[in-house]
C-alpha atoms as a PDB file:
ATOM      1  CA  UNK A   1     118.239 180.861 137.223  1.00  0.00           C
ATOM      2  CA  UNK A   2     116.304 179.888 140.011  1.00  0.00           C
ATOM      3  CA  UNK A   3     112.593 179.965 139.481  1.00  0.00           C
ATOM      4  CA  UNK A   4     109.450 178.889 141.665  1.00  0.00           C
ATOM      5  CA  UNK A   5     107.090 178.891 138.676  1.00  0.00           C
ATOM      6  CA  UNK A   6     109.149 176.238 136.550  1.00  0.00           C
ATOM      7  CA  UNK A   7     111.068 173.761 138.047  1.00  0.00           C
ATOM      8  CA  UNK A   8     113.286 172.651 135.197  1.00  0.00           C
ATOM      9  CA  UNK A   9     114.887 169.798 137.361  1.00  0.00           C
ATOM     10  CA  UNK A  10     111.778 168.354 138.177  1.00  0.00           C
ATOM     11  CA  UNK A  11     110.500 168.391 134.810  1.00  0.00           C
ATOM     12  CA  UNK A  12     113.462 166.581 133.448  1.00  0.00           C
ATOM     13  CA  UNK A  13     113.054 164.083 136.475  1.00  0.00           C
ATOM     14  CA  UNK A  14     109.531 163.487 135.790  1.00  0.00           C
ATOM     15  CA  UNK A  15     109.977 162.805 132.067  1.00  0.00           C
ATOM     16  CA  UNK A  16     112.966 160.200 132.966  1.00  0.00           C
ATOM     17  CA  UNK A  17     110.590 158.644 135.238  1.00  0.00           C
ATOM     18  CA  UNK A  18     107.992 158.295 132.806  1.00  0.00           C
ATOM     19  CA  UNK A  19     109.807 156.815 130.369  1.00  0.00           C
ATOM     20  CA  UNK A  20     111.349 154.215 132.886  1.00  0.00           C
ATOM     21  CA  UNK A  21     107.648 153.199 134.195  1.00  0.00           C
ATOM     22  CA  UNK A  22     106.634 152.843 130.330  1.00  0.00           C
ATOM     23  CA  UNK A  23     109.648 150.435 129.821  1.00  0.00           C
ATOM     24  CA  UNK A  24     108.745 148.800 133.267  1.00  0.00           C
ATOM     25  CA  UNK A  25     105.169 148.282 132.155  1.00  0.00           C
ATOM     26  CA  UNK A  26     106.309 146.919 129.060  1.00  0.00           C
ATOM     27  CA  UNK A  27     108.738 144.281 130.238  1.00  0.00           C
ATOM     28  CA  UNK A  28     106.410 143.215 133.106  1.00  0.00           C
ATOM     29  CA  UNK A  29     103.661 142.451 130.363  1.00  0.00           C
ATOM     30  CA  UNK A  30     106.239 140.311 128.593  1.00  0.00           C
ATOM     31  CA  UNK A  31     107.341 138.440 131.671  1.00  0.00           C
ATOM     32  CA  UNK A  32     103.519 137.631 132.668  1.00  0.00           C
ATOM     33  CA  UNK A  33     102.399 136.750 129.016  1.00  0.00           C
ATOM     34  CA  UNK A  34     105.689 135.032 127.937  1.00  0.00           C
ATOM     35  CA  UNK A  35     105.272 137.123 124.420  1.00  0.00           C
ATOM     36  CA  UNK A  36     107.629 139.708 123.098  1.00  0.00           C
ATOM     37  CA  UNK A  37     104.902 140.458 120.414  1.00  0.00           C
ATOM     38  CA  UNK A  38     101.671 139.875 121.870  1.00  0.00           C
ATOM     39  CA  UNK A  39      99.391 142.331 119.885  1.00  0.00           C
ATOM     40  CA  UNK A  40      99.754 144.015 116.564  1.00  0.00           C
ATOM     41  CA  UNK A  41     100.974 147.353 118.118  1.00  0.00           C
ATOM     42  CA  UNK A  42     103.924 145.392 119.438  1.00  0.00           C
ATOM     43  CA  UNK A  43     105.282 144.540 116.133  1.00  0.00           C
ATOM     44  CA  UNK A  44     102.741 144.418 113.091  1.00  0.00           C
ATOM     45  CA  UNK A  45     104.682 142.498 110.644  1.00  0.00           C
ATOM     46  CA  UNK A  46     105.618 139.537 113.180  1.00  0.00           C
ATOM     47  CA  UNK A  47     102.170 139.601 114.797  1.00  0.00           C
ATOM     48  CA  UNK A  48     100.550 139.044 111.318  1.00  0.00           C
ATOM     49  CA  UNK A  49     103.084 136.292 110.418  1.00  0.00           C
ATOM     50  CA  UNK A  50     102.564 134.558 113.630  1.00  0.00           C
ATOM     51  CA  UNK A  51      98.829 134.967 113.677  1.00  0.00           C
ATOM     52  CA  UNK A  52      98.891 133.309 110.065  1.00  0.00           C
ATOM     53  CA  UNK A  53     101.047 130.428 111.071  1.00  0.00           C
ATOM     54  CA  UNK A  54      98.832 129.512 114.210  1.00  0.00           C
ATOM     55  CA  UNK A  55      96.187 129.343 112.032  1.00  0.00           C
ATOM     56  CA  UNK A  56      97.813 127.132 109.417  1.00  0.00           C
ATOM     57  CA  UNK A  57      99.013 125.097 112.353  1.00  0.00           C
ATOM     58  CA  UNK A  58      95.278 124.439 113.397  1.00  0.00           C
ATOM     59  CA  UNK A  59      94.739 123.223 109.913  1.00  0.00           C
ATOM     60  CA  UNK A  60      97.592 120.895 109.910  1.00  0.00           C
ATOM     61  CA  UNK A  61      96.187 119.447 113.343  1.00  0.00           C
ATOM     62  CA  UNK A  62      93.169 118.518 111.517  1.00  0.00           C
ATOM     63  CA  UNK A  63      95.091 116.817 108.860  1.00  0.00           C
ATOM     64  CA  UNK A  64      96.688 114.604 111.321  1.00  0.00           C
ATOM     65  CA  UNK A  65      93.212 113.457 112.503  1.00  0.00           C
ATOM     66  CA  UNK A  66      92.221 113.085 108.764  1.00  0.00           C
ATOM     67  CA  UNK A  67      95.292 110.863 108.403  1.00  0.00           C
ATOM     68  CA  UNK A  68      94.457 108.897 111.336  1.00  0.00           C
ATOM     69  CA  UNK A  69      90.928 108.138 109.834  1.00  0.00           C
ATOM     70  CA  UNK A  70      92.621 107.216 106.542  1.00  0.00           C
ATOM     71  CA  UNK A  71      95.180 104.928 107.987  1.00  0.00           C
ATOM     72  CA  UNK A  72      92.302 103.241 109.737  1.00  0.00           C
ATOM     73  CA  UNK A  73      90.456 102.884 106.463  1.00  0.00           C
ATOM     74  CA  UNK A  74      93.502 101.599 104.615  1.00  0.00           C
ATOM     75  CA  UNK A  75      94.669  99.175 107.259  1.00  0.00           C
ATOM     76  CA  UNK A  76      91.164  97.714 107.504  1.00  0.00           C
ATOM     77  CA  UNK A  77      90.917  97.166 103.976  1.00  0.00           C
ATOM     78  CA  UNK A  78      94.701  95.648 103.901  1.00  0.00           C
ATOM     79  CA  UNK A  79      93.620  93.318 106.886  1.00  0.00           C
ATOM     80  CA  UNK A  80      90.697  91.997 104.571  1.00  0.00           C
ATOM     81  CA  UNK A  81      92.650  91.446 101.559  1.00  0.00           C
ATOM     82  CA  UNK A  82      95.299  89.805 103.731  1.00  0.00           C
ATOM     83  CA  UNK A  83      92.966  87.259 105.177  1.00  0.00           C
ATOM     84  CA  UNK A  84      91.629  86.691 101.686  1.00  0.00           C
ATOM     85  CA  UNK A  85      94.894  85.540 100.385  1.00  0.00           C
ATOM     86  CA  UNK A  86      95.208  83.019 103.113  1.00  0.00           C
ATOM     87  CA  UNK A  87      91.683  81.674 102.149  1.00  0.00           C
ATOM     88  CA  UNK A  88      92.262  81.730  98.250  1.00  0.00           C
ATOM     89  CA  UNK A  89      95.737  79.998  99.067  1.00  0.00           C
ATOM     90  CA  UNK A  90      93.798  77.215 100.780  1.00  0.00           C
ATOM     91  CA  UNK A  91      91.246  76.984  97.963  1.00  0.00           C
ATOM     92  CA  UNK A  92      94.064  76.563  95.501  1.00  0.00           C
ATOM     93  CA  UNK A  93      95.599  73.994  97.545  1.00  0.00           C
ATOM     94  CA  UNK A  94      92.210  72.169  97.833  1.00  0.00           C
ATOM     95  CA  UNK A  95      91.948  72.106  93.987  1.00  0.00           C
ATOM     96  CA  UNK A  96      95.375  70.774  93.766  1.00  0.00           C
ATOM     97  CA  UNK A  97      94.554  68.178  96.045  1.00  0.00           C
ATOM     98  CA  UNK A  98      91.512  67.201  94.167  1.00  0.00           C
ATOM     99  CA  UNK A  99      93.845  66.380  91.075  1.00  0.00           C
ATOM    100  CA  UNK A 100      95.049  63.281  92.986  1.00  0.00           C
ATOM    101  CA  UNK A 101      93.367  60.130  91.355  1.00  0.00           C
ATOM    102  CA  UNK A 102      90.748  58.259  93.469  1.00  0.00           C
ATOM    103  CA  UNK A 103      90.299  61.105  95.780  1.00  0.00           C
ATOM    104  CA  UNK A 104      86.605  62.146  96.768  1.00  0.00           C
ATOM    105  CA  UNK A 105      86.220  65.282  94.918  1.00  0.00           C
ATOM    106  CA  UNK A 106      82.549  65.855  96.392  1.00  0.00           C
ATOM    107  CA  UNK A 107      83.952  66.194  99.863  1.00  0.00           C
ATOM    108  CA  UNK A 108      86.646  68.686  98.648  1.00  0.00           C
ATOM    109  CA  UNK A 109      83.905  70.528  97.011  1.00  0.00           C
ATOM    110  CA  UNK A 110      82.110  70.890 100.272  1.00  0.00           C
ATOM    111  CA  UNK A 111      85.295  72.400 102.117  1.00  0.00           C
ATOM    112  CA  UNK A 112      85.731  74.896  98.870  1.00  0.00           C
ATOM    113  CA  UNK A 113      82.113  76.180  99.303  1.00  0.00           C
ATOM    114  CA  UNK A 114      82.812  76.873 103.282  1.00  0.00           C
ATOM    115  CA  UNK A 115      86.135  78.533 102.111  1.00  0.00           C
ATOM    116  CA  UNK A 116      84.130  80.700  99.561  1.00  0.00           C
ATOM    117  CA  UNK A 117      81.539  81.628 102.127  1.00  0.00           C
ATOM    118  CA  UNK A 118      84.783  82.788 104.142  1.00  0.00           C
ATOM    119  CA  UNK A 119      85.675  85.041 101.534  1.00  0.00           C
ATOM    120  CA  UNK A 120      82.582  86.615 101.402  1.00  0.00           C
ATOM    121  CA  UNK A 121      82.210  87.113 105.253  1.00  0.00           C
ATOM    122  CA  UNK A 122      85.775  88.633 105.058  1.00  0.00           C
ATOM    123  CA  UNK A 123      84.761  91.309 102.342  1.00  0.00           C
ATOM    124  CA  UNK A 124      81.344  92.198 104.258  1.00  0.00           C
ATOM    125  CA  UNK A 125      83.262  92.545 107.474  1.00  0.00           C
ATOM    126  CA  UNK A 126      86.035  94.885 106.240  1.00  0.00           C
ATOM    127  CA  UNK A 127      84.132  97.977 107.071  1.00  0.00           C
ATOM    128  CA  UNK A 128      85.260 101.206 108.955  1.00  0.00           C
ATOM    129  CA  UNK A 129      83.053 103.880 109.992  1.00  0.00           C
ATOM    130  CA  UNK A 130      80.422 102.642 107.192  1.00  0.00           C
ATOM    131  CA  UNK A 131      83.264 102.488 104.546  1.00  0.00           C
ATOM    132  CA  UNK A 132      83.902  98.958 102.787  1.00  0.00           C
ATOM    133  CA  UNK A 133      86.349  98.884  99.894  1.00  0.00           C
ATOM    134  CA  UNK A 134      86.208  95.315  99.714  1.00  0.00           C
ATOM    135  CA  UNK A 135      82.562  94.754  99.029  1.00  0.00           C
ATOM    136  CA  UNK A 136      80.413  96.219  96.395  1.00  0.00           C
ATOM    137  CA  UNK A 137      76.617  95.307  96.838  1.00  0.00           C
ATOM    138  CA  UNK A 138      74.279  98.007  95.429  1.00  0.00           C
ATOM    139  CA  UNK A 139      74.350 100.055  92.055  1.00  0.00           C
ATOM    140  CA  UNK A 140      75.151 103.124  94.426  1.00  0.00           C
ATOM    141  CA  UNK A 141      78.240 101.420  95.756  1.00  0.00           C
ATOM    142  CA  UNK A 142      79.181 100.636  92.161  1.00  0.00           C
ATOM    143  CA  UNK A 143      78.555 104.301  91.168  1.00  0.00           C
ATOM    144  CA  UNK A 144      80.627 105.494  94.177  1.00  0.00           C
ATOM    145  CA  UNK A 145      83.750 103.134  93.387  1.00  0.00           C
ATOM    146  CA  UNK A 146      85.949 105.901  91.939  1.00  0.00           C
ATOM    147  CA  UNK A 147      89.428 106.643  92.991  1.00  0.00           C
ATOM    148  CA  UNK A 148      89.969 107.548  96.500  1.00  0.00           C
ATOM    149  CA  UNK A 149      91.483 110.732  97.733  1.00  0.00           C
ATOM    150  CA  UNK A 150      92.580 110.945 101.240  1.00  0.00           C
ATOM    151  CA  UNK A 151      93.500 114.288 102.723  1.00  0.00           C
ATOM    152  CA  UNK A 152      97.348 114.272 103.049  1.00  0.00           C
ATOM    153  CA  UNK A 153      98.570 117.987 103.933  1.00  0.00           C
ATOM    154  CA  UNK A 154      97.544 121.610 103.917  1.00  0.00           C
ATOM    155  CA  UNK A 155      99.560 123.789 101.974  1.00  0.00           C
ATOM    156  CA  UNK A 156     100.053 127.398 101.906  1.00  0.00           C
ATOM    157  CA  UNK A 157     101.989 128.696  98.563  1.00  0.00           C
ATOM    158  CA  UNK A 158     104.422 131.693  98.274  1.00  0.00           C
ATOM    159  CA  UNK A 159     101.391 133.713  96.967  1.00  0.00           C
ATOM    160  CA  UNK A 160      99.307 133.185  99.997  1.00  0.00           C
ATOM    161  CA  UNK A 161      96.867 131.022  98.383  1.00  0.00           C
ATOM    162  CA  UNK A 162      96.059 127.638 100.122  1.00  0.00           C
ATOM    163  CA  UNK A 163      95.009 124.179  99.044  1.00  0.00           C
ATOM    164  CA  UNK A 164      94.357 120.525 100.384  1.00  0.00           C
ATOM    165  CA  UNK A 165      97.272 117.974  99.419  1.00  0.00           C
ATOM    166  CA  UNK A 166      95.475 114.519  98.875  1.00  0.00           C
ATOM    167  CA  UNK A 167      96.885 111.123  98.804  1.00  0.00           C
ATOM    168  CA  UNK A 168      95.284 109.306  95.609  1.00  0.00           C
ATOM    169  CA  UNK A 169      94.407 105.678  95.893  1.00  0.00           C
ATOM    170  CA  UNK A 170      93.744 104.015  92.236  1.00  0.00           C
ATOM    171  CA  UNK A 171      90.691 102.176  93.538  1.00  0.00           C
ATOM    172  CA  UNK A 172      89.802 102.235  89.821  1.00  0.00           C
ATOM    173  CA  UNK A 173      92.649 101.075  87.631  1.00  0.00           C
ATOM    174  CA  UNK A 174      91.551 100.372  83.891  1.00  0.00           C
ATOM    175  CA  UNK A 175      95.084  99.639  82.722  1.00  0.00           C
ATOM    176  CA  UNK A 176      94.970  96.009  84.734  1.00  0.00           C
ATOM    177  CA  UNK A 177      92.803  93.914  82.586  1.00  0.00           C
ATOM    178  CA  UNK A 178      92.647  91.270  85.076  1.00  0.00           C
ATOM    179  CA  UNK A 179      90.407  93.698  87.302  1.00  0.00           C
ATOM    180  CA  UNK A 180      86.827  92.874  86.029  1.00  0.00           C
ATOM    181  CA  UNK A 181      85.180  95.636  87.721  1.00  0.00           C
ATOM    182  CA  UNK A 182      88.274  97.834  87.859  1.00  0.00           C
ATOM    183  CA  UNK A 183      88.349  98.113  91.423  1.00  0.00           C
ATOM    184  CA  UNK A 184      90.088  96.956  94.475  1.00  0.00           C
ATOM    185  CA  UNK A 185      86.748  95.420  95.660  1.00  0.00           C
ATOM    186  CA  UNK A 186      87.042  91.682  96.598  1.00  0.00           C
ATOM    187  CA  UNK A 187      83.290  91.381  95.619  1.00  0.00           C
ATOM    188  CA  UNK A 188      81.069  93.347  93.313  1.00  0.00           C
ATOM    189  CA  UNK A 189      77.414  91.830  93.311  1.00  0.00           C
ATOM    190  CA  UNK A 190      75.740  95.115  91.960  1.00  0.00           C
ATOM    191  CA  UNK A 191      73.238  94.531  89.281  1.00  0.00           C
ATOM    192  CA  UNK A 192      74.625  97.597  87.441  1.00  0.00           C
ATOM    193  CA  UNK A 193      77.926  95.987  86.637  1.00  0.00           C
ATOM    194  CA  UNK A 194      78.126  94.002  83.359  1.00  0.00           C
ATOM    195  CA  UNK A 195      77.944  90.192  84.386  1.00  0.00           C
ATOM    196  CA  UNK A 196      77.292  91.082  88.106  1.00  0.00           C
ATOM    197  CA  UNK A 197      80.553  89.553  88.707  1.00  0.00           C
ATOM    198  CA  UNK A 198      82.945  90.585  91.368  1.00  0.00           C
ATOM    199  CA  UNK A 199      86.779  90.934  91.824  1.00  0.00           C
ATOM    200  CA  UNK A 200      87.308  87.056  92.360  1.00  0.00           C
ATOM    201  CA  UNK A 201      84.493  86.138  90.149  1.00  0.00           C
ATOM    202  CA  UNK A 202      85.712  87.532  86.963  1.00  0.00           C
ATOM    203  CA  UNK A 203      85.909  85.893  83.694  1.00  0.00           C
ATOM    204  CA  UNK A 204      88.885  88.289  82.852  1.00  0.00           C
ATOM    205  CA  UNK A 205      91.095  85.775  84.990  1.00  0.00           C
ATOM    206  CA  UNK A 206      89.975  82.770  82.703  1.00  0.00           C
ATOM    207  CA  UNK A 207      90.257  84.983  79.532  1.00  0.00           C
ATOM    208  CA  UNK A 208      93.735  86.295  80.409  1.00  0.00           C
ATOM    209  CA  UNK A 209      95.007  82.703  80.679  1.00  0.00           C
ATOM    210  CA  UNK A 210      93.802  81.802  77.361  1.00  0.00           C
ATOM    211  CA  UNK A 211      91.269  79.319  78.579  1.00  0.00           C
ATOM    212  CA  UNK A 212      88.168  78.413  76.389  1.00  0.00           C
ATOM    213  CA  UNK A 213      85.924  78.074  79.445  1.00  0.00           C
ATOM    214  CA  UNK A 214      85.229  81.169  81.252  1.00  0.00           C
ATOM    215  CA  UNK A 215      85.512  80.026  84.855  1.00  0.00           C
ATOM    216  CA  UNK A 216      84.468  81.863  87.879  1.00  0.00           C
ATOM    217  CA  UNK A 217      85.060  81.578  91.305  1.00  0.00           C
ATOM    218  CA  UNK A 218      81.388  82.582  92.148  1.00  0.00           C
ATOM    219  CA  UNK A 219      78.432  82.644  89.971  1.00  0.00           C
ATOM    220  CA  UNK A 220      76.338  86.000  90.426  1.00  0.00           C
ATOM    221  CA  UNK A 221      73.491  85.926  92.699  1.00  0.00           C
ATOM    222  CA  UNK A 222      71.531  88.003  90.438  1.00  0.00           C
ATOM    223  CA  UNK A 223      70.596  87.002  86.791  1.00  0.00           C
ATOM    224  CA  UNK A 224      73.355  88.190  84.146  1.00  0.00           C
ATOM    225  CA  UNK A 225      72.998  91.048  81.911  1.00  0.00           C
ATOM    226  CA  UNK A 226      71.291  90.090  78.745  1.00  0.00           C
ATOM    227  CA  UNK A 227      73.956  89.474  75.863  1.00  0.00           C
ATOM    228  CA  UNK A 228      76.576  88.741  78.316  1.00  0.00           C
ATOM    229  CA  UNK A 229      78.237  85.457  77.691  1.00  0.00           C
ATOM    230  CA  UNK A 230      77.495  82.587  79.907  1.00  0.00           C
ATOM    231  CA  UNK A 231      80.184  81.767  82.414  1.00  0.00           C
ATOM    232  CA  UNK A 232      80.657  78.480  84.454  1.00  0.00           C
ATOM    233  CA  UNK A 233      81.245  78.633  88.263  1.00  0.00           C
ATOM    234  CA  UNK A 234      84.460  77.044  89.466  1.00  0.00           C
ATOM    235  CA  UNK A 235      82.831  74.328  91.385  1.00  0.00           C
ATOM    236  CA  UNK A 236      84.106  70.581  91.917  1.00  0.00           C
ATOM    237  CA  UNK A 237      82.151  67.577  91.677  1.00  0.00           C
ATOM    238  CA  UNK A 238      82.905  64.011  90.996  1.00  0.00           C
ATOM    239  CA  UNK A 239      82.164  64.547  87.159  1.00  0.00           C
ATOM    240  CA  UNK A 240      84.931  67.307  86.886  1.00  0.00           C
ATOM    241  CA  UNK A 241      87.640  66.165  84.581  1.00  0.00           C
ATOM    242  CA  UNK A 242      91.447  66.668  84.987  1.00  0.00           C
ATOM    243  CA  UNK A 243      91.529  69.021  81.958  1.00  0.00           C
ATOM    244  CA  UNK A 244      88.916  71.108  83.790  1.00  0.00           C
ATOM    245  CA  UNK A 245      90.433  70.780  87.163  1.00  0.00           C
ATOM    246  CA  UNK A 246      93.940  72.235  85.888  1.00  0.00           C
ATOM    247  CA  UNK A 247      92.130  75.108  84.044  1.00  0.00           C
ATOM    248  CA  UNK A 248      90.318  76.020  87.391  1.00  0.00           C
ATOM    249  CA  UNK A 249      93.730  75.892  89.274  1.00  0.00           C
ATOM    250  CA  UNK A 250      95.208  78.130  86.701  1.00  0.00           C
ATOM    251  CA  UNK A 251      92.369  80.610  87.053  1.00  0.00           C
ATOM    252  CA  UNK A 252      92.491  80.345  91.097  1.00  0.00           C
ATOM    253  CA  UNK A 253      96.211  81.096  91.028  1.00  0.00           C
ATOM    254  CA  UNK A 254      95.453  83.913  88.833  1.00  0.00           C
ATOM    255  CA  UNK A 255      93.124  85.447  91.523  1.00  0.00           C
ATOM    256  CA  UNK A 256      95.569  84.615  93.950  1.00  0.00           C
ATOM    257  CA  UNK A 257      98.261  86.729  92.498  1.00  0.00           C
ATOM    258  CA  UNK A 258      96.151  89.608  91.568  1.00  0.00           C
ATOM    259  CA  UNK A 259      94.956  89.688  95.424  1.00  0.00           C
ATOM    260  CA  UNK A 260      98.463  89.583  96.579  1.00  0.00           C
ATOM    261  CA  UNK A 261      99.476  92.517  94.152  1.00  0.00           C
ATOM    262  CA  UNK A 262      96.291  94.368  95.779  1.00  0.00           C
ATOM    263  CA  UNK A 263      97.320  93.527  99.443  1.00  0.00           C
ATOM    264  CA  UNK A 264     100.791  94.784  98.412  1.00  0.00           C
ATOM    265  CA  UNK A 265      99.413  97.961  97.233  1.00  0.00           C
ATOM    266  CA  UNK A 266      97.434  98.796 100.057  1.00  0.00           C
ATOM    267  CA  UNK A 267     100.524  98.056 102.302  1.00  0.00           C
ATOM    268  CA  UNK A 268     102.442 100.570 100.436  1.00  0.00           C
ATOM    269  CA  UNK A 269      99.716 103.108 100.801  1.00  0.00           C
ATOM    270  CA  UNK A 270      99.584 102.186 104.574  1.00  0.00           C
ATOM    271  CA  UNK A 271     103.393 103.083 105.030  1.00  0.00           C
ATOM    272  CA  UNK A 272     103.092 106.381 102.992  1.00  0.00           C
ATOM    273  CA  UNK A 273     100.093 107.465 105.168  1.00  0.00           C
ATOM    274  CA  UNK A 274     102.173 106.644 108.343  1.00  0.00           C
ATOM    275  CA  UNK A 275     105.278 108.604 107.075  1.00  0.00           C
ATOM    276  CA  UNK A 276     103.029 111.499 105.974  1.00  0.00           C
ATOM    277  CA  UNK A 277     101.438 111.527 109.520  1.00  0.00           C
ATOM    278  CA  UNK A 278     104.961 111.570 111.116  1.00  0.00           C
ATOM    279  CA  UNK A 279     105.996 114.466 108.800  1.00  0.00           C
ATOM    280  CA  UNK A 280     102.909 116.555 109.391  1.00  0.00           C
ATOM    281  CA  UNK A 281     103.494 116.166 113.297  1.00  0.00           C
ATOM    282  CA  UNK A 282     107.159 117.440 112.604  1.00  0.00           C
ATOM    283  CA  UNK A 283     106.017 120.151 110.476  1.00  0.00           C
ATOM    284  CA  UNK A 284     103.439 121.164 113.087  1.00  0.00           C
ATOM    285  CA  UNK A 285     106.225 121.258 115.699  1.00  0.00           C
ATOM    286  CA  UNK A 286     108.764 123.098 113.266  1.00  0.00           C
ATOM    287  CA  UNK A 287     106.081 125.743 112.619  1.00  0.00           C
ATOM    288  CA  UNK A 288     105.713 126.142 116.443  1.00  0.00           C
ATOM    289  CA  UNK A 289     109.081 126.676 116.793  1.00  0.00           C
ATOM    290  CA  UNK A 290     109.450 129.225 114.127  1.00  0.00           C
ATOM    291  CA  UNK A 291     106.606 131.267 115.271  1.00  0.00           C
ATOM    292  CA  UNK A 292     108.247 130.905 118.853  1.00  0.00           C
ATOM    293  CA  UNK A 293     111.400 132.708 117.473  1.00  0.00           C
ATOM    294  CA  UNK A 294     109.352 135.480 116.328  1.00  0.00           C
ATOM    295  CA  UNK A 295     107.170 136.360 119.138  1.00  0.00           C
ATOM    296  CA  UNK A 296     108.304 134.534 122.280  1.00  0.00           C
ATOM    297  CA  UNK A 297     109.930 136.761 125.009  1.00  0.00           C
ATOM    298  CA  UNK A 298     113.347 135.779 126.226  1.00  0.00           C
ATOM    299  CA  UNK A 299     112.760 135.250 129.926  1.00  0.00           C
ATOM    300  CA  UNK A 300     116.400 135.460 131.033  1.00  0.00           C
ATOM    301  CA  UNK A 301     116.813 138.735 129.173  1.00  0.00           C
ATOM    302  CA  UNK A 302     113.505 140.197 130.331  1.00  0.00           C
ATOM    303  CA  UNK A 303     114.207 139.244 133.786  1.00  0.00           C
ATOM    304  CA  UNK A 304     117.587 141.180 133.736  1.00  0.00           C
ATOM    305  CA  UNK A 305     115.768 143.934 132.227  1.00  0.00           C
ATOM    306  CA  UNK A 306     112.928 143.921 134.837  1.00  0.00           C
ATOM    307  CA  UNK A 307     115.392 144.194 137.970  1.00  0.00           C
ATOM    308  CA  UNK A 308     117.530 146.930 136.138  1.00  0.00           C
ATOM    309  CA  UNK A 309     114.407 149.004 135.596  1.00  0.00           C
ATOM    310  CA  UNK A 310     112.900 148.720 138.948  1.00  0.00           C
ATOM    311  CA  UNK A 311     116.203 150.195 140.199  1.00  0.00           C
ATOM    312  CA  UNK A 312     116.160 152.891 137.720  1.00  0.00           C
ATOM    313  CA  UNK A 313     112.580 153.477 139.033  1.00  0.00           C
ATOM    314  CA  UNK A 314     113.819 153.841 142.376  1.00  0.00           C
ATOM    315  CA  UNK A 315     116.510 156.039 141.646  1.00  0.00           C
ATOM    316  CA  UNK A 316     114.073 158.152 139.187  1.00  0.00           C
ATOM    317  CA  UNK A 317     111.718 158.566 142.154  1.00  0.00           C
ATOM    318  CA  UNK A 318     114.432 159.961 144.394  1.00  0.00           C
ATOM    319  CA  UNK A 319     115.672 162.551 141.857  1.00  0.00           C
ATOM    320  CA  UNK A 320     112.110 163.878 141.510  1.00  0.00           C
ATOM    321  CA  UNK A 321     112.177 164.056 144.983  1.00  0.00           C
ATOM    322  CA  UNK A 322     115.517 165.936 145.298  1.00  0.00           C
ATOM    323  CA  UNK A 323     114.401 168.453 142.251  1.00  0.00           C
ATOM    324  CA  UNK A 324     111.078 169.015 144.187  1.00  0.00           C
ATOM    325  CA  UNK A 325     112.899 170.063 147.303  1.00  0.00           C
ATOM    326  CA  UNK A 326     114.705 172.885 145.554  1.00  0.00           C
ATOM    327  CA  UNK A 327     111.834 175.286 146.031  1.00  0.00           C
ATOM    328  CA  UNK A 328     112.396 174.778 149.710  1.00  0.00           C
ATOM    329  CA  UNK A 329     115.773 176.108 149.259  1.00  0.00           C
ATOM    330  CA  UNK A 330     114.169 179.351 148.070  1.00  0.00           C
ATOM    331  CA  UNK A 331     112.167 179.956 151.096  1.00  0.00           C
ATOM    332  CA  UNK A 332     115.422 180.168 153.066  1.00  0.00           C
ATOM    333  CA  UNK A 333     116.400 183.227 151.158  1.00  0.00           C
ATOM    334  CA  UNK A 334     113.662 185.082 152.775  1.00  0.00           C
ATOM    335  CA  UNK A 335     114.404 184.126 156.318  1.00  0.00           C
END
């Protein structure tokens, strides 16, 4: 039936053209934005996952920055401890040299005093961003000398809960009897600490060696706490006996070994932080790739689809034009 009121062919052609135009708009949007899923309306599930993972990736970026800061702190402490090893080794050599009969012990003592001053200089200088792990000077420093926790990673569990993974530094390790203040600090000159003795001044090194004299490398700059046993500074003089000198050498060797062990701990920690930093960077890249697979548009596919839809649109316009021309045929019947 031919009707001038309802043009079925034109309606069908128009409907097809609308569908093609809608698909063309979608494809053009994907081509311009680069995303197959740009909004929640495109695919709610994928959009939700992608948005969450992008947020987590920002957190991982912050973790990378924190790891860089942690690496700087540990490397600073390691550098200080490594320098201290060289100085302590030199002090040990001076004490051994003082054992030589007829040598001027007073001159060696003057050299040792300068080496001690260098140790203090190293410890006080090993600071990064206001944090010094090698020198405790105030009671507040001692109070804050707890185990250190360095940011290691951002973790999202299967149930959706999030947490921060940390790298723990056993800054206090009470299992090591040779640690007088149970810290990695080279020096602890705080008035709060029993005996006011630092890591390289501890009586424990002498006690562990079974010596009757409680030799220390430094005497505390402040008075000893009441009731604490007296200690003897490890200082050379012309009156120092061979027995005393050998005891001093025993203690300084214990101090050296402890410092070497502590430096090795810092070195291992530095290596772990480097590995963790590399892992976090790789993890961030992997998350980016995973999100991309979910929401990125395949530009090869979209460009092909765009060309096809443009062709279909042109054909749809021609079909609609043909359908609209049918009414002109009806006029010819009345001529």
